[in-house]
Amino acid sequence: MRQAHILYKDEEAGILTQHDDGSFTFRYHDIWVADDKRPGISLTLPKTRQEYNSEYLFPFFYNMLPEGSNKEVVCTYNRIDRTDYFGLLMVTAKTDSIGAVRVVKIENP
């Protein structure tokens, strides 16, 4: 299992988890959901107390990944398998992302 903090404008909004079977879960923190001033991170992941589950990396996060030659460079430099989307997300979206959302790896969850 691997996990990452999902930050919105540098505030922790929730947790993204990749389970051992390769499936994914995203869950907002309760305090994020309770605060009406805090938005959902995506239209496809609206604020709710329910947990989102998927067999694949959620499209919102997948679309944050580099493509083409940029992906090749990042994978080679960081020794990440091209199909390790979660690993690639944690490397690239912790500091280099378009928009307000960042992904920061949780060490030893």
Protein backbone atom coordinates (compact mmCIF):
# COMPACT_ATOMS: atom_id res chain seq x y z
CA MET A 1 0.00 0.00 0.00
CA ARG A 2 1.20 3.49 -0.88
CA GLN A 3 -0.36 6.77 0.17
CA ALA A 4 -0.08 10.45 -0.63
CA HIS A 5 -1.41 13.66 0.88
CA ILE A 6 -3.52 15.65 -1.56
CA LEU A 7 -2.91 19.34 -1.04
CA TYR A 8 -5.13 22.12 -2.32
CA LYS A 9 -3.35 25.49 -2.18
CA ASP A 10 -0.91 23.95 0.32
CA GLU A 11 -3.68 22.77 2.67
CA GLU A 12 -4.24 19.05 3.10
CA ALA A 13 -7.59 18.12 1.56
CA GLY A 14 -7.43 14.32 1.65
CA ILE A 15 -5.52 11.09 1.15
CA LEU A 16 -4.95 9.12 -2.05
CA THR A 17 -4.16 5.43 -1.52
CA GLN A 18 -2.94 2.76 -3.90
CA HIS A 19 -3.78 -0.65 -2.45
CA ASP A 20 -1.68 -3.78 -2.89
CA ASP A 21 -4.08 -5.10 -5.54
CA GLY A 22 -3.48 -1.95 -7.65
CA SER A 23 -6.84 -0.31 -6.91
CA PHE A 24 -7.14 3.27 -5.64
CA THR A 25 -9.06 5.11 -2.96
CA PHE A 26 -9.45 8.84 -2.41
CA ARG A 27 -10.97 10.27 0.74
CA TYR A 28 -11.40 13.87 1.84
CA HIS A 29 -10.54 14.73 5.43
CA ASP A 30 -13.64 15.31 7.55
CA ILE A 31 -12.59 18.86 8.44
CA TRP A 32 -12.23 19.65 4.72
CA VAL A 33 -15.75 18.41 3.99
CA ALA A 34 -17.22 20.27 6.98
CA ASP A 35 -15.82 23.66 5.88
CA ASP A 36 -18.12 25.24 3.27
CA LYS A 37 -15.34 27.61 2.18
CA ARG A 38 -13.14 24.74 0.98
CA PRO A 39 -13.91 23.43 -2.52
CA GLY A 40 -13.70 19.96 -3.97
CA ILE A 41 -10.40 19.33 -5.71
CA SER A 42 -12.14 18.34 -8.95
CA LEU A 43 -15.57 18.26 -10.52
CA THR A 44 -15.18 14.48 -10.81
CA LEU A 45 -14.29 14.20 -7.09
CA PRO A 46 -16.83 16.48 -5.37
CA LYS A 47 -16.64 17.00 -1.62
CA THR A 48 -18.29 14.19 0.28
CA ARG A 49 -17.67 12.04 3.33
CA GLN A 50 -17.85 8.93 1.18
CA GLU A 51 -14.70 7.27 -0.05
CA TYR A 52 -14.06 7.15 -3.80
CA ASN A 53 -12.81 3.81 -5.15
CA SER A 54 -11.43 2.86 -8.55
CA GLU A 55 -9.60 -0.03 -10.18
CA TYR A 56 -7.42 2.56 -11.96
CA LEU A 57 -5.82 5.86 -11.05
CA PHE A 58 -8.61 8.44 -11.02
CA PRO A 59 -8.72 10.43 -14.30
CA PHE A 60 -8.18 13.71 -12.43
CA PHE A 61 -4.83 12.47 -11.10
CA TYR A 62 -3.90 10.62 -14.29
CA ASN A 63 -4.24 13.86 -16.22
CA MET A 64 -1.60 15.44 -13.97
CA LEU A 65 1.04 13.04 -15.34
CA PRO A 66 3.66 14.04 -17.91
CA GLU A 67 3.39 12.57 -21.40
CA GLY A 68 5.65 11.69 -24.30
CA SER A 69 9.31 12.61 -24.04
CA ASN A 70 8.77 14.42 -20.73
CA LYS A 71 7.43 11.20 -19.24
CA GLU A 72 10.40 9.24 -20.61
CA VAL A 73 12.89 11.67 -19.07
CA VAL A 74 11.16 11.67 -15.67
CA CYS A 75 10.87 7.87 -15.60
CA THR A 76 14.49 7.34 -16.63
CA TYR A 77 15.90 9.94 -14.26
CA ASN A 78 13.87 8.69 -11.27
CA ARG A 79 14.04 4.99 -12.20
CA ILE A 80 10.28 4.66 -12.32
CA ASP A 81 8.52 2.06 -14.44
CA ARG A 82 6.51 3.72 -17.23
CA THR A 83 3.34 1.99 -15.99
CA ASP A 84 3.80 3.05 -12.33
CA TYR A 85 1.38 5.94 -12.54
CA PHE A 86 1.17 6.40 -8.78
CA GLY A 87 4.96 6.56 -8.45
CA LEU A 88 5.16 8.97 -11.35
CA LEU A 89 2.42 11.13 -9.81
CA MET A 90 4.24 11.31 -6.48
CA VAL A 91 7.48 12.38 -8.16
CA THR A 92 6.07 14.99 -10.52
CA ALA A 93 3.04 16.45 -8.72
CA LYS A 94 4.71 17.18 -5.39
CA THR A 95 6.21 20.42 -6.72
CA ASP A 96 5.49 20.67 -10.45
CA SER A 97 1.77 20.76 -11.11
CA ILE A 98 -0.58 23.00 -13.02
CA GLY A 99 -3.28 24.37 -10.79
CA ALA A 100 -3.84 24.30 -7.06
CA VAL A 101 -3.47 20.55 -6.37
CA ARG A 102 -0.23 18.87 -5.33
CA VAL A 103 0.49 15.25 -4.37
CA VAL A 104 2.97 14.53 -1.56
CA LYS A 105 4.06 11.00 -0.73
CA ILE A 106 3.42 9.72 2.79
CA GLU A 107 6.49 7.91 4.04
CA ASN A 108 5.74 4.65 5.91
CA PRO A 109 1.91 4.92 6.08
